[in-house]
Each structure stands twice: as structure tokens, then as C-alpha cells.
Amino acid sequence: MKIAPIRTEKDYQNALDRLEQIFDAKKGTEEGDELEILSILIDRYENEHFPIDMPDPIEAIKFRMEQMGMKQKDLAEVIGFKSRVSEILNKKRKLTLDTIRKLNAALNIPTEVLIQDY
């Protein structure tokens, strides 16, 4: 097993190729250990070079509502008045701390997403 840091795009591609070769390696074997270490290195490289931004809070709410088959009236039951829901979804009203807590509990959207500026 020859493990080295992933510093270039070529190193990254080689690591992905090797990962594919040993993907089914059994845990506790030499290839299994290589798989685990290689996965960590690839993850680190991807996080540094291909970061994924958090979604817009309002888009996250809309997406989660769609996933759950919710309508605006359903969301009004969670956070209050139907007009308030409309204002929030149209970005005319900011999310309050109380609303963020309710959305987190009811829709299971992480607070880190909901507290972002939009």
C-alpha cells in the first residue's frame, strides 16, 4: 500500500481509479485499510477544491415542503398566519428566531441553513 497526499487533479483521478479497484475490500484487510485512508484523502481534497455551499433558506423550505407534500396552508399551521407564510416564501419577511425553531422542528431543516442571510 502506497498512500500519498492528493495535491493535483492527476493525483485525485489516480485516487478515484484506485478507490474503484478496491471498493469491495473487506474491513480489516490491507486493502480495506487502504480503502478507508483513500476515502478520507479524497473527501478532504473534494471539500477543499469542490466546496458545496449551503442552500438558500427559503429554497430549502420550499424544497422540504415539496418533499413532504405540504402546501402553504400546511406551513401556516406550523408558523402562524397564511399571509406570513406568503411573505416569507416571497422573501418579503425575514425569518425570526421563533420561526426558525418551528421550521427546524417541523420540517427538520438544519438551523445552520435557516439562519443564513438571503
PDB file of N, CA and C in Angstrom:
ATOM      1  N   MET A   1       0.859  -1.179   0.000  1.00  0.00           N
ATOM      2  CA  MET A   1       0.000   0.000   0.000  1.00  0.00           C
ATOM      3  C   MET A   1       0.892   1.225   0.000  1.00  0.00           C
ATOM      4  N   LYS A   2       0.708   2.076  -1.018  1.00  0.00           N
ATOM      5  CA  LYS A   2       1.459   3.325  -1.116  1.00  0.00           C
ATOM      6  C   LYS A   2       0.454   4.477  -1.096  1.00  0.00           C
ATOM      7  N   ILE A   3       0.364   5.145   0.031  1.00  0.00           N
ATOM      8  CA  ILE A   3      -0.572   6.254   0.210  1.00  0.00           C
ATOM      9  C   ILE A   3       0.221   7.557   0.240  1.00  0.00           C
ATOM     10  N   ALA A   4      -0.298   8.554  -0.493  1.00  0.00           N
ATOM     11  CA  ALA A   4       0.341   9.870  -0.516  1.00  0.00           C
ATOM     12  C   ALA A   4      -0.763  10.929  -0.537  1.00  0.00           C
ATOM     13  N   PRO A   5      -0.453  12.141  -0.096  1.00  0.00           N
ATOM     14  CA  PRO A   5      -1.454  13.203  -0.145  1.00  0.00           C
ATOM     15  C   PRO A   5      -1.921  13.453  -1.582  1.00  0.00           C
ATOM     16  N   ILE A   6      -3.147  13.908  -1.716  1.00  0.00           N
ATOM     17  CA  ILE A   6      -3.685  14.259  -3.028  1.00  0.00           C
ATOM     18  C   ILE A   6      -3.495  15.759  -3.196  1.00  0.00           C
ATOM     19  N   ARG A   7      -2.618  16.125  -4.136  1.00  0.00           N
ATOM     20  CA  ARG A   7      -2.285  17.540  -4.308  1.00  0.00           C
ATOM     21  C   ARG A   7      -2.718  18.099  -5.663  1.00  0.00           C
ATOM     22  N   THR A   8      -2.846  17.238  -6.647  1.00  0.00           N
ATOM     23  CA  THR A   8      -3.168  17.703  -8.001  1.00  0.00           C
ATOM     24  C   THR A   8      -4.393  16.971  -8.526  1.00  0.00           C
ATOM     25  N   GLU A   9      -4.894  17.470  -9.641  1.00  0.00           N
ATOM     26  CA  GLU A   9      -6.036  16.824 -10.298  1.00  0.00           C
ATOM     27  C   GLU A   9      -5.658  15.404 -10.737  1.00  0.00           C
ATOM     28  N   LYS A  10      -4.413  15.227 -11.191  1.00  0.00           N
ATOM     29  CA  LYS A  10      -3.944  13.888 -11.597  1.00  0.00           C
ATOM     30  C   LYS A  10      -3.916  12.951 -10.391  1.00  0.00           C
ATOM     31  N   ASP A  11      -3.411  13.436  -9.253  1.00  0.00           N
ATOM     32  CA  ASP A  11      -3.407  12.626  -8.025  1.00  0.00           C
ATOM     33  C   ASP A  11      -4.836  12.226  -7.661  1.00  0.00           C
ATOM     34  N   TYR A  12      -5.749  13.179  -7.801  1.00  0.00           N
ATOM     35  CA  TYR A  12      -7.157  12.950  -7.475  1.00  0.00           C
ATOM     36  C   TYR A  12      -7.749  11.863  -8.377  1.00  0.00           C
ATOM     37  N   GLN A  13      -7.501  11.966  -9.674  1.00  0.00           N
ATOM     38  CA  GLN A  13      -8.015  10.964 -10.609  1.00  0.00           C
ATOM     39  C   GLN A  13      -7.426   9.581 -10.326  1.00  0.00           C
ATOM     40  N   ASN A  14      -6.132   9.537 -10.024  1.00  0.00           N
ATOM     41  CA  ASN A  14      -5.489   8.257  -9.681  1.00  0.00           C
ATOM     42  C   ASN A  14      -6.106   7.659  -8.421  1.00  0.00           C
ATOM     43  N   ALA A  15      -6.388   8.518  -7.450  1.00  0.00           N
ATOM     44  CA  ALA A  15      -7.000   8.052  -6.197  1.00  0.00           C
ATOM     45  C   ALA A  15      -8.397   7.498  -6.459  1.00  0.00           C
ATOM     46  N   LEU A  16      -9.167   8.183  -7.306  1.00  0.00           N
ATOM     47  CA  LEU A  16     -10.509   7.702  -7.648  1.00  0.00           C
ATOM     48  C   LEU A  16     -10.450   6.360  -8.380  1.00  0.00           C
ATOM     49  N   ASP A  17      -9.486   6.239  -9.283  1.00  0.00           N
ATOM     50  CA  ASP A  17      -9.316   4.966 -10.009  1.00  0.00           C
ATOM     51  C   ASP A  17      -8.982   3.833  -9.046  1.00  0.00           C
ATOM     52  N   ARG A  18      -8.066   4.100  -8.122  1.00  0.00           N
ATOM     53  CA  ARG A  18      -7.673   3.070  -7.151  1.00  0.00           C
ATOM     54  C   ARG A  18      -8.841   2.727  -6.228  1.00  0.00           C
ATOM     55  N   LEU A  19      -9.578   3.740  -5.819  1.00  0.00           N
ATOM     56  CA  LEU A  19     -10.740   3.523  -4.961  1.00  0.00           C
ATOM     57  C   LEU A  19     -11.738   2.593  -5.646  1.00  0.00           C
ATOM     58  N   GLU A  20     -11.948   2.812  -6.920  1.00  0.00           N
ATOM     59  CA  GLU A  20     -12.871   1.960  -7.673  1.00  0.00           C
ATOM     60  C   GLU A  20     -12.373   0.506  -7.710  1.00  0.00           C
ATOM     61  N   GLN A  21     -11.071   0.321  -7.828  1.00  0.00           N
ATOM     62  CA  GLN A  21     -10.485  -1.028  -7.879  1.00  0.00           C
ATOM     63  C   GLN A  21     -10.673  -1.789  -6.567  1.00  0.00           C
ATOM     64  N   ILE A  22     -10.575  -1.086  -5.456  1.00  0.00           N
ATOM     65  CA  ILE A  22     -10.613  -1.756  -4.144  1.00  0.00           C
ATOM     66  C   ILE A  22     -11.912  -1.501  -3.388  1.00  0.00           C
ATOM     67  N   PHE A  23     -12.922  -1.014  -4.078  1.00  0.00           N
ATOM     68  CA  PHE A  23     -14.168  -0.597  -3.437  1.00  0.00           C
ATOM     69  C   PHE A  23     -14.822  -1.678  -2.590  1.00  0.00           C
ATOM     70  N   ASP A  24     -14.719  -2.920  -2.993  1.00  0.00           N
ATOM     71  CA  ASP A  24     -15.368  -4.019  -2.266  1.00  0.00           C
ATOM     72  C   ASP A  24     -14.445  -4.712  -1.264  1.00  0.00           C
ATOM     73  N   ALA A  25     -13.331  -4.060  -0.922  1.00  0.00           N
ATOM     74  CA  ALA A  25     -12.375  -4.666   0.008  1.00  0.00           C
ATOM     75  C   ALA A  25     -13.015  -4.889   1.379  1.00  0.00           C
ATOM     76  N   LYS A  26     -12.661  -5.956   2.016  1.00  0.00           N
ATOM     77  CA  LYS A  26     -13.196  -6.292   3.343  1.00  0.00           C
ATOM     78  C   LYS A  26     -12.494  -5.467   4.412  1.00  0.00           C
ATOM     79  N   LYS A  27     -13.274  -5.017   5.387  1.00  0.00           N
ATOM     80  CA  LYS A  27     -12.753  -4.248   6.516  1.00  0.00           C
ATOM     81  C   LYS A  27     -11.743  -5.095   7.284  1.00  0.00           C
ATOM     82  N   GLY A  28     -10.661  -4.459   7.705  1.00  0.00           N
ATOM     83  CA  GLY A  28      -9.648  -5.152   8.494  1.00  0.00           C
ATOM     84  C   GLY A  28      -8.543  -5.767   7.658  1.00  0.00           C
ATOM     85  N   THR A  29      -8.715  -5.777   6.325  1.00  0.00           N
ATOM     86  CA  THR A  29      -7.659  -6.283   5.451  1.00  0.00           C
ATOM     87  C   THR A  29      -6.775  -5.121   5.036  1.00  0.00           C
ATOM     88  N   GLU A  30      -5.637  -5.432   4.395  1.00  0.00           N
ATOM     89  CA  GLU A  30      -4.749  -4.370   3.948  1.00  0.00           C
ATOM     90  C   GLU A  30      -5.456  -3.473   2.930  1.00  0.00           C
ATOM     91  N   GLU A  31      -6.193  -4.077   1.999  1.00  0.00           N
ATOM     92  CA  GLU A  31      -6.942  -3.281   1.034  1.00  0.00           C
ATOM     93  C   GLU A  31      -8.089  -2.522   1.701  1.00  0.00           C
ATOM     94  N   GLY A  32      -8.684  -3.106   2.712  1.00  0.00           N
ATOM     95  CA  GLY A  32      -9.731  -2.417   3.461  1.00  0.00           C
ATOM     96  C   GLY A  32      -9.202  -1.174   4.150  1.00  0.00           C
ATOM     97  N   ASP A  33      -8.001  -1.290   4.730  1.00  0.00           N
ATOM     98  CA  ASP A  33      -7.365  -0.130   5.359  1.00  0.00           C
ATOM     99  C   ASP A  33      -7.030   0.935   4.317  1.00  0.00           C
ATOM    100  N   GLU A  34      -6.520   0.483   3.165  1.00  0.00           N
ATOM    101  CA  GLU A  34      -6.201   1.416   2.079  1.00  0.00           C
ATOM    102  C   GLU A  34      -7.468   2.142   1.614  1.00  0.00           C
ATOM    103  N   LEU A  35      -8.558   1.398   1.492  1.00  0.00           N
ATOM    104  CA  LEU A  35      -9.839   1.981   1.094  1.00  0.00           C
ATOM    105  C   LEU A  35     -10.269   3.079   2.068  1.00  0.00           C
ATOM    106  N   GLU A  36     -10.165   2.797   3.344  1.00  0.00           N
ATOM    107  CA  GLU A  36     -10.563   3.765   4.362  1.00  0.00           C
ATOM    108  C   GLU A  36      -9.709   5.033   4.302  1.00  0.00           C
ATOM    109  N   ILE A  37      -8.410   4.883   4.199  1.00  0.00           N
ATOM    110  CA  ILE A  37      -7.499   6.033   4.159  1.00  0.00           C
ATOM    111  C   ILE A  37      -7.702   6.824   2.864  1.00  0.00           C
ATOM    112  N   LEU A  38      -7.828   6.112   1.755  1.00  0.00           N
ATOM    113  CA  LEU A  38      -8.035   6.770   0.474  1.00  0.00           C
ATOM    114  C   LEU A  38      -9.341   7.565   0.463  1.00  0.00           C
ATOM    115  N   SER A  39     -10.375   7.022   1.072  1.00  0.00           N
ATOM    116  CA  SER A  39     -11.669   7.719   1.162  1.00  0.00           C
ATOM    117  C   SER A  39     -11.532   9.035   1.925  1.00  0.00           C
ATOM    118  N   ILE A  40     -10.769   9.007   2.993  1.00  0.00           N
ATOM    119  CA  ILE A  40     -10.541  10.217   3.801  1.00  0.00           C
ATOM    120  C   ILE A  40      -9.783  11.266   2.986  1.00  0.00           C
ATOM    121  N   LEU A  41      -8.750  10.829   2.268  1.00  0.00           N
ATOM    122  CA  LEU A  41      -7.957  11.761   1.461  1.00  0.00           C
ATOM    123  C   LEU A  41      -8.787  12.364   0.329  1.00  0.00           C
ATOM    124  N   ILE A  42      -9.595  11.539  -0.326  1.00  0.00           N
ATOM    125  CA  ILE A  42     -10.448  12.022  -1.410  1.00  0.00           C
ATOM    126  C   ILE A  42     -11.470  13.013  -0.870  1.00  0.00           C
ATOM    127  N   ASP A  43     -12.073  12.693   0.258  1.00  0.00           N
ATOM    128  CA  ASP A  43     -13.060  13.585   0.873  1.00  0.00           C
ATOM    129  C   ASP A  43     -12.427  14.938   1.198  1.00  0.00           C
ATOM    130  N   ARG A  44     -11.242  14.920   1.757  1.00  0.00           N
ATOM    131  CA  ARG A  44     -10.535  16.164   2.106  1.00  0.00           C
ATOM    132  C   ARG A  44     -10.250  16.986   0.853  1.00  0.00           C
ATOM    133  N   TYR A  45      -9.773  16.336  -0.191  1.00  0.00           N
ATOM    134  CA  TYR A  45      -9.470  17.034  -1.441  1.00  0.00           C
ATOM    135  C   TYR A  45     -10.737  17.649  -2.027  1.00  0.00           C
ATOM    136  N   GLU A  46     -11.819  16.886  -2.058  1.00  0.00           N
ATOM    137  CA  GLU A  46     -13.081  17.377  -2.614  1.00  0.00           C
ATOM    138  C   GLU A  46     -13.637  18.543  -1.810  1.00  0.00           C
ATOM    139  N   ASN A  47     -13.543  18.479  -0.493  1.00  0.00           N
ATOM    140  CA  ASN A  47     -14.025  19.576   0.349  1.00  0.00           C
ATOM    141  C   ASN A  47     -13.238  20.857   0.116  1.00  0.00           C
ATOM    142  N   GLU A  48     -11.949  20.727  -0.163  1.00  0.00           N
ATOM    143  CA  GLU A  48     -11.108  21.896  -0.404  1.00  0.00           C
ATOM    144  C   GLU A  48     -11.285  22.457  -1.810  1.00  0.00           C
ATOM    145  N   HIS A  49     -11.447  21.586  -2.794  1.00  0.00           N
ATOM    146  CA  HIS A  49     -11.465  22.024  -4.181  1.00  0.00           C
ATOM    147  C   HIS A  49     -12.852  22.119  -4.820  1.00  0.00           C
ATOM    148  N   PHE A  50     -13.812  21.449  -4.246  1.00  0.00           N
ATOM    149  CA  PHE A  50     -15.177  21.470  -4.792  1.00  0.00           C
ATOM    150  C   PHE A  50     -16.180  21.713  -3.665  1.00  0.00           C
ATOM    151  N   PRO A  51     -16.058  22.844  -2.957  1.00  0.00           N
ATOM    152  CA  PRO A  51     -16.965  23.066  -1.824  1.00  0.00           C
ATOM    153  C   PRO A  51     -18.417  23.219  -2.286  1.00  0.00           C
ATOM    154  N   ILE A  52     -19.321  22.747  -1.465  1.00  0.00           N
ATOM    155  CA  ILE A  52     -20.746  22.866  -1.744  1.00  0.00           C
ATOM    156  C   ILE A  52     -21.326  23.869  -0.754  1.00  0.00           C
ATOM    157  N   ASP A  53     -21.874  24.938  -1.314  1.00  0.00           N
ATOM    158  CA  ASP A  53     -22.481  25.957  -0.460  1.00  0.00           C
ATOM    159  C   ASP A  53     -23.794  25.446   0.114  1.00  0.00           C
ATOM    160  N   MET A  54     -24.157  26.004   1.250  1.00  0.00           N
ATOM    161  CA  MET A  54     -25.444  25.655   1.839  1.00  0.00           C
ATOM    162  C   MET A  54     -26.552  26.277   0.987  1.00  0.00           C
ATOM    163  N   PRO A  55     -27.697  25.631   0.957  1.00  0.00           N
ATOM    164  CA  PRO A  55     -28.796  26.164   0.154  1.00  0.00           C
ATOM    165  C   PRO A  55     -29.380  27.434   0.761  1.00  0.00           C
ATOM    166  N   ASP A  56     -30.016  28.205  -0.077  1.00  0.00           N
ATOM    167  CA  ASP A  56     -30.753  29.385   0.363  1.00  0.00           C
ATOM    168  C   ASP A  56     -31.836  28.926   1.336  1.00  0.00           C
ATOM    169  N   PRO A  57     -32.028  29.622   2.454  1.00  0.00           N
ATOM    170  CA  PRO A  57     -33.014  29.187   3.449  1.00  0.00           C
ATOM    171  C   PRO A  57     -34.432  29.028   2.889  1.00  0.00           C
ATOM    172  N   ILE A  58     -34.857  29.972   2.079  1.00  0.00           N
ATOM    173  CA  ILE A  58     -36.219  29.920   1.554  1.00  0.00           C
ATOM    174  C   ILE A  58     -36.352  28.777   0.543  1.00  0.00           C
ATOM    175  N   GLU A  59     -35.342  28.588  -0.282  1.00  0.00           N
ATOM    176  CA  GLU A  59     -35.369  27.473  -1.232  1.00  0.00           C
ATOM    177  C   GLU A  59     -35.356  26.133  -0.489  1.00  0.00           C
ATOM    178  N   ALA A  60     -34.653  26.077   0.628  1.00  0.00           N
ATOM    179  CA  ALA A  60     -34.634  24.850   1.437  1.00  0.00           C
ATOM    180  C   ALA A  60     -36.022  24.565   2.008  1.00  0.00           C
ATOM    181  N   ILE A  61     -36.713  25.612   2.438  1.00  0.00           N
ATOM    182  CA  ILE A  61     -38.079  25.442   2.961  1.00  0.00           C
ATOM    183  C   ILE A  61     -38.999  24.940   1.857  1.00  0.00           C
ATOM    184  N   LYS A  62     -38.923  25.569   0.688  1.00  0.00           N
ATOM    185  CA  LYS A  62     -39.766  25.166  -0.436  1.00  0.00           C
ATOM    186  C   LYS A  62     -39.483  23.723  -0.850  1.00  0.00           C
ATOM    187  N   PHE A  63     -38.208  23.374  -0.906  1.00  0.00           N
ATOM    188  CA  PHE A  63     -37.822  22.015  -1.283  1.00  0.00           C
ATOM    189  C   PHE A  63     -38.367  20.997  -0.291  1.00  0.00           C
ATOM    190  N   ARG A  64     -38.210  21.289   0.989  1.00  0.00           N
ATOM    191  CA  ARG A  64     -38.692  20.369   2.031  1.00  0.00           C
ATOM    192  C   ARG A  64     -40.217  20.263   2.013  1.00  0.00           C
ATOM    193  N   MET A  65     -40.889  21.384   1.768  1.00  0.00           N
ATOM    194  CA  MET A  65     -42.348  21.357   1.657  1.00  0.00           C
ATOM    195  C   MET A  65     -42.769  20.444   0.508  1.00  0.00           C
ATOM    196  N   GLU A  66     -42.066  20.566  -0.613  1.00  0.00           N
ATOM    197  CA  GLU A  66     -42.368  19.718  -1.779  1.00  0.00           C
ATOM    198  C   GLU A  66     -42.149  18.248  -1.440  1.00  0.00           C
ATOM    199  N   GLN A  67     -41.039  17.954  -0.769  1.00  0.00           N
ATOM    200  CA  GLN A  67     -40.746  16.570  -0.366  1.00  0.00           C
ATOM    201  C   GLN A  67     -41.840  15.993   0.515  1.00  0.00           C
ATOM    202  N   MET A  68     -42.373  16.831   1.385  1.00  0.00           N
ATOM    203  CA  MET A  68     -43.371  16.376   2.348  1.00  0.00           C
ATOM    204  C   MET A  68     -44.802  16.522   1.831  1.00  0.00           C
ATOM    205  N   GLY A  69     -44.948  17.038   0.603  1.00  0.00           N
ATOM    206  CA  GLY A  69     -46.279  17.231   0.037  1.00  0.00           C
ATOM    207  C   GLY A  69     -47.081  18.315   0.748  1.00  0.00           C
ATOM    208  N   MET A  70     -46.391  19.308   1.264  1.00  0.00           N
ATOM    209  CA  MET A  70     -47.048  20.379   2.012  1.00  0.00           C
ATOM    210  C   MET A  70     -47.437  21.535   1.105  1.00  0.00           C
ATOM    211  N   LYS A  71     -48.513  22.189   1.466  1.00  0.00           N
ATOM    212  CA  LYS A  71     -48.966  23.414   0.807  1.00  0.00           C
ATOM    213  C   LYS A  71     -48.713  24.573   1.780  1.00  0.00           C
ATOM    214  N   GLN A  72     -48.906  25.797   1.290  1.00  0.00           N
ATOM    215  CA  GLN A  72     -48.695  26.964   2.144  1.00  0.00           C
ATOM    216  C   GLN A  72     -49.597  26.928   3.367  1.00  0.00           C
ATOM    217  N   LYS A  73     -50.829  26.444   3.194  1.00  0.00           N
ATOM    218  CA  LYS A  73     -51.747  26.383   4.337  1.00  0.00           C
ATOM    219  C   LYS A  73     -51.222  25.416   5.403  1.00  0.00           C
ATOM    220  N   ASP A  74     -50.520  24.352   4.968  1.00  0.00           N
ATOM    221  CA  ASP A  74     -49.935  23.410   5.930  1.00  0.00           C
ATOM    222  C   ASP A  74     -48.807  24.085   6.712  1.00  0.00           C
ATOM    223  N   LEU A  75     -48.032  24.895   6.008  1.00  0.00           N
ATOM    224  CA  LEU A  75     -46.943  25.605   6.674  1.00  0.00           C
ATOM    225  C   LEU A  75     -47.489  26.661   7.622  1.00  0.00           C
ATOM    226  N   ALA A  76     -48.634  27.224   7.285  1.00  0.00           N
ATOM    227  CA  ALA A  76     -49.271  28.222   8.159  1.00  0.00           C
ATOM    228  C   ALA A  76     -49.618  27.599   9.510  1.00  0.00           C
ATOM    229  N   GLU A  77     -49.946  26.324   9.515  1.00  0.00           N
ATOM    230  CA  GLU A  77     -50.234  25.632  10.776  1.00  0.00           C
ATOM    231  C   GLU A  77     -48.984  25.509  11.642  1.00  0.00           C
ATOM    232  N   VAL A  78     -47.826  25.517  11.000  1.00  0.00           N
ATOM    233  CA  VAL A  78     -46.555  25.400  11.728  1.00  0.00           C
ATOM    234  C   VAL A  78     -46.094  26.751  12.254  1.00  0.00           C
ATOM    235  N   ILE A  79     -46.130  27.790  11.396  1.00  0.00           N
ATOM    236  CA  ILE A  79     -45.523  29.067  11.800  1.00  0.00           C
ATOM    237  C   ILE A  79     -46.509  30.201  12.002  1.00  0.00           C
ATOM    238  N   GLY A  80     -47.772  29.970  11.747  1.00  0.00           N
ATOM    239  CA  GLY A  80     -48.730  31.044  12.006  1.00  0.00           C
ATOM    240  C   GLY A  80     -49.552  31.397  10.791  1.00  0.00           C
ATOM    241  N   PHE A  81     -49.807  32.661  10.626  1.00  0.00           N
ATOM    242  CA  PHE A  81     -50.729  33.168   9.613  1.00  0.00           C
ATOM    243  C   PHE A  81     -50.321  32.817   8.188  1.00  0.00           C
ATOM    244  N   LYS A  82     -51.327  32.591   7.346  1.00  0.00           N
ATOM    245  CA  LYS A  82     -51.094  32.279   5.939  1.00  0.00           C
ATOM    246  C   LYS A  82     -50.399  33.437   5.230  1.00  0.00           C
ATOM    247  N   SER A  83     -50.754  34.659   5.581  1.00  0.00           N
ATOM    248  CA  SER A  83     -50.126  35.836   4.964  1.00  0.00           C
ATOM    249  C   SER A  83     -48.640  35.906   5.320  1.00  0.00           C
ATOM    250  N   ARG A  84     -48.307  35.506   6.554  1.00  0.00           N
ATOM    251  CA  ARG A  84     -46.907  35.496   6.987  1.00  0.00           C
ATOM    252  C   ARG A  84     -46.114  34.474   6.177  1.00  0.00           C
ATOM    253  N   VAL A  85     -46.709  33.311   5.946  1.00  0.00           N
ATOM    254  CA  VAL A  85     -46.048  32.272   5.142  1.00  0.00           C
ATOM    255  C   VAL A  85     -45.769  32.805   3.745  1.00  0.00           C
ATOM    256  N   SER A  86     -46.750  33.446   3.149  1.00  0.00           N
ATOM    257  CA  SER A  86     -46.599  34.010   1.810  1.00  0.00           C
ATOM    258  C   SER A  86     -45.469  35.041   1.776  1.00  0.00           C
ATOM    259  N   GLU A  87     -45.430  35.912   2.767  1.00  0.00           N
ATOM    260  CA  GLU A  87     -44.375  36.930   2.835  1.00  0.00           C
ATOM    261  C   GLU A  87     -42.994  36.288   2.978  1.00  0.00           C
ATOM    262  N   ILE A  88     -42.892  35.250   3.799  1.00  0.00           N
ATOM    263  CA  ILE A  88     -41.611  34.565   3.994  1.00  0.00           C
ATOM    264  C   ILE A  88     -41.182  33.877   2.708  1.00  0.00           C
ATOM    265  N   LEU A  89     -42.092  33.127   2.081  1.00  0.00           N
ATOM    266  CA  LEU A  89     -41.743  32.389   0.870  1.00  0.00           C
ATOM    267  C   LEU A  89     -41.431  33.303  -0.304  1.00  0.00           C
ATOM    268  N   ASN A  90     -41.940  34.535  -0.274  1.00  0.00           N
ATOM    269  CA  ASN A  90     -41.637  35.523  -1.316  1.00  0.00           C
ATOM    270  C   ASN A  90     -40.490  36.446  -0.912  1.00  0.00           C
ATOM    271  N   LYS A  91     -39.835  36.130   0.193  1.00  0.00           N
ATOM    272  CA  LYS A  91     -38.670  36.857   0.707  1.00  0.00           C
ATOM    273  C   LYS A  91     -38.979  38.313   1.037  1.00  0.00           C
ATOM    274  N   LYS A  92     -40.215  38.566   1.467  1.00  0.00           N
ATOM    275  CA  LYS A  92     -40.597  39.911   1.885  1.00  0.00           C
ATOM    276  C   LYS A  92     -40.540  40.057   3.398  1.00  0.00           C
ATOM    277  N   ARG A  93     -40.417  38.950   4.095  1.00  0.00           N
ATOM    278  CA  ARG A  93     -40.313  38.950   5.554  1.00  0.00           C
ATOM    279  C   ARG A  93     -39.167  38.016   5.934  1.00  0.00           C
ATOM    280  N   LYS A  94     -38.319  38.489   6.829  1.00  0.00           N
ATOM    281  CA  LYS A  94     -37.190  37.677   7.307  1.00  0.00           C
ATOM    282  C   LYS A  94     -37.676  36.637   8.307  1.00  0.00           C
ATOM    283  N   LEU A  95     -36.929  35.566   8.402  1.00  0.00           N
ATOM    284  CA  LEU A  95     -37.232  34.530   9.390  1.00  0.00           C
ATOM    285  C   LEU A  95     -36.834  35.025  10.775  1.00  0.00           C
ATOM    286  N   THR A  96     -37.712  34.853  11.734  1.00  0.00           N
ATOM    287  CA  THR A  96     -37.398  35.209  13.119  1.00  0.00           C
ATOM    288  C   THR A  96     -36.811  33.979  13.812  1.00  0.00           C
ATOM    289  N   LEU A  97     -36.235  34.189  14.959  1.00  0.00           N
ATOM    290  CA  LEU A  97     -35.673  33.085  15.732  1.00  0.00           C
ATOM    291  C   LEU A  97     -36.755  32.063  16.070  1.00  0.00           C
ATOM    292  N   ASP A  98     -37.925  32.540  16.454  1.00  0.00           N
ATOM    293  CA  ASP A  98     -39.039  31.653  16.780  1.00  0.00           C
ATOM    294  C   ASP A  98     -39.463  30.829  15.557  1.00  0.00           C
ATOM    295  N   THR A  99     -39.534  31.488  14.400  1.00  0.00           N
ATOM    296  CA  THR A  99     -39.907  30.794  13.160  1.00  0.00           C
ATOM    297  C   THR A  99     -38.857  29.758  12.785  1.00  0.00           C
ATOM    298  N   ILE A 100     -37.595  30.103  12.940  1.00  0.00           N
ATOM    299  CA  ILE A 100     -36.502  29.168  12.643  1.00  0.00           C
ATOM    300  C   ILE A 100     -36.625  27.927  13.515  1.00  0.00           C
ATOM    301  N   ARG A 101     -36.904  28.124  14.781  1.00  0.00           N
ATOM    302  CA  ARG A 101     -37.069  26.985  15.696  1.00  0.00           C
ATOM    303  C   ARG A 101     -38.235  26.098  15.263  1.00  0.00           C
ATOM    304  N   LYS A 102     -39.341  26.711  14.896  1.00  0.00           N
ATOM    305  CA  LYS A 102     -40.520  25.945  14.468  1.00  0.00           C
ATOM    306  C   LYS A 102     -40.248  25.183  13.180  1.00  0.00           C
ATOM    307  N   LEU A 103     -39.580  25.828  12.226  1.00  0.00           N
ATOM    308  CA  LEU A 103     -39.252  25.172  10.955  1.00  0.00           C
ATOM    309  C   LEU A 103     -38.277  24.021  11.169  1.00  0.00           C
ATOM    310  N   ASN A 104     -37.322  24.236  12.032  1.00  0.00           N
ATOM    311  CA  ASN A 104     -36.365  23.175  12.353  1.00  0.00           C
ATOM    312  C   ASN A 104     -37.072  21.961  12.933  1.00  0.00           C
ATOM    313  N   ALA A 105     -37.991  22.191  13.843  1.00  0.00           N
ATOM    314  CA  ALA A 105     -38.702  21.092  14.492  1.00  0.00           C
ATOM    315  C   ALA A 105     -39.677  20.397  13.540  1.00  0.00           C
ATOM    316  N   ALA A 106     -40.421  21.185  12.773  1.00  0.00           N
ATOM    317  CA  ALA A 106     -41.472  20.607  11.930  1.00  0.00           C
ATOM    318  C   ALA A 106     -40.948  20.035  10.608  1.00  0.00           C
ATOM    319  N   LEU A 107     -39.980  20.717  10.007  1.00  0.00           N
ATOM    320  CA  LEU A 107     -39.501  20.299   8.689  1.00  0.00           C
ATOM    321  C   LEU A 107     -38.134  19.628   8.743  1.00  0.00           C
ATOM    322  N   ASN A 108     -37.527  19.654   9.914  1.00  0.00           N
ATOM    323  CA  ASN A 108     -36.205  19.043  10.100  1.00  0.00           C
ATOM    324  C   ASN A 108     -35.155  19.659   9.173  1.00  0.00           C
ATOM    325  N   ILE A 109     -35.229  20.970   9.006  1.00  0.00           N
ATOM    326  CA  ILE A 109     -34.207  21.700   8.244  1.00  0.00           C
ATOM    327  C   ILE A 109     -33.181  22.189   9.252  1.00  0.00           C
ATOM    328  N   PRO A 110     -31.898  21.925   9.025  1.00  0.00           N
ATOM    329  CA  PRO A 110     -30.878  22.349   9.988  1.00  0.00           C
ATOM    330  C   PRO A 110     -30.910  23.861  10.229  1.00  0.00           C
ATOM    331  N   THR A 111     -30.719  24.236  11.462  1.00  0.00           N
ATOM    332  CA  THR A 111     -30.731  25.665  11.803  1.00  0.00           C
ATOM    333  C   THR A 111     -29.621  26.428  11.084  1.00  0.00           C
ATOM    334  N   GLU A 112     -28.493  25.748  10.789  1.00  0.00           N
ATOM    335  CA  GLU A 112     -27.393  26.408  10.072  1.00  0.00           C
ATOM    336  C   GLU A 112     -27.851  26.906   8.705  1.00  0.00           C
ATOM    337  N   VAL A 113     -28.775  26.178   8.095  1.00  0.00           N
ATOM    338  CA  VAL A 113     -29.325  26.596   6.810  1.00  0.00           C
ATOM    339  C   VAL A 113     -30.293  27.755   6.999  1.00  0.00           C
ATOM    340  N   LEU A 114     -31.152  27.658   7.982  1.00  0.00           N
ATOM    341  CA  LEU A 114     -32.210  28.651   8.178  1.00  0.00           C
ATOM    342  C   LEU A 114     -31.705  30.012   8.654  1.00  0.00           C
ATOM    343  N   ILE A 115     -30.582  30.049   9.355  1.00  0.00           N
ATOM    344  CA  ILE A 115     -30.096  31.333   9.892  1.00  0.00           C
ATOM    345  C   ILE A 115     -29.305  32.163   8.886  1.00  0.00           C
ATOM    346  N   GLN A 116     -29.030  31.587   7.728  1.00  0.00           N
ATOM    347  CA  GLN A 116     -28.249  32.319   6.726  1.00  0.00           C
ATOM    348  C   GLN A 116     -29.006  33.545   6.222  1.00  0.00           C
ATOM    349  N   ASP A 117     -28.231  34.527   5.773  1.00  0.00           N
ATOM    350  CA  ASP A 117     -28.803  35.709   5.162  1.00  0.00           C
ATOM    351  C   ASP A 117     -29.316  35.355   3.777  1.00  0.00           C
ATOM    352  N   TYR A 118     -30.338  36.024   3.339  1.00  0.00           N
ATOM    353  CA  TYR A 118     -30.866  35.802   1.984  1.00  0.00           C
ATOM    354  C   TYR A 118     -31.417  37.088   1.431  1.00  0.00           C
TER     355      TYR A 118
END
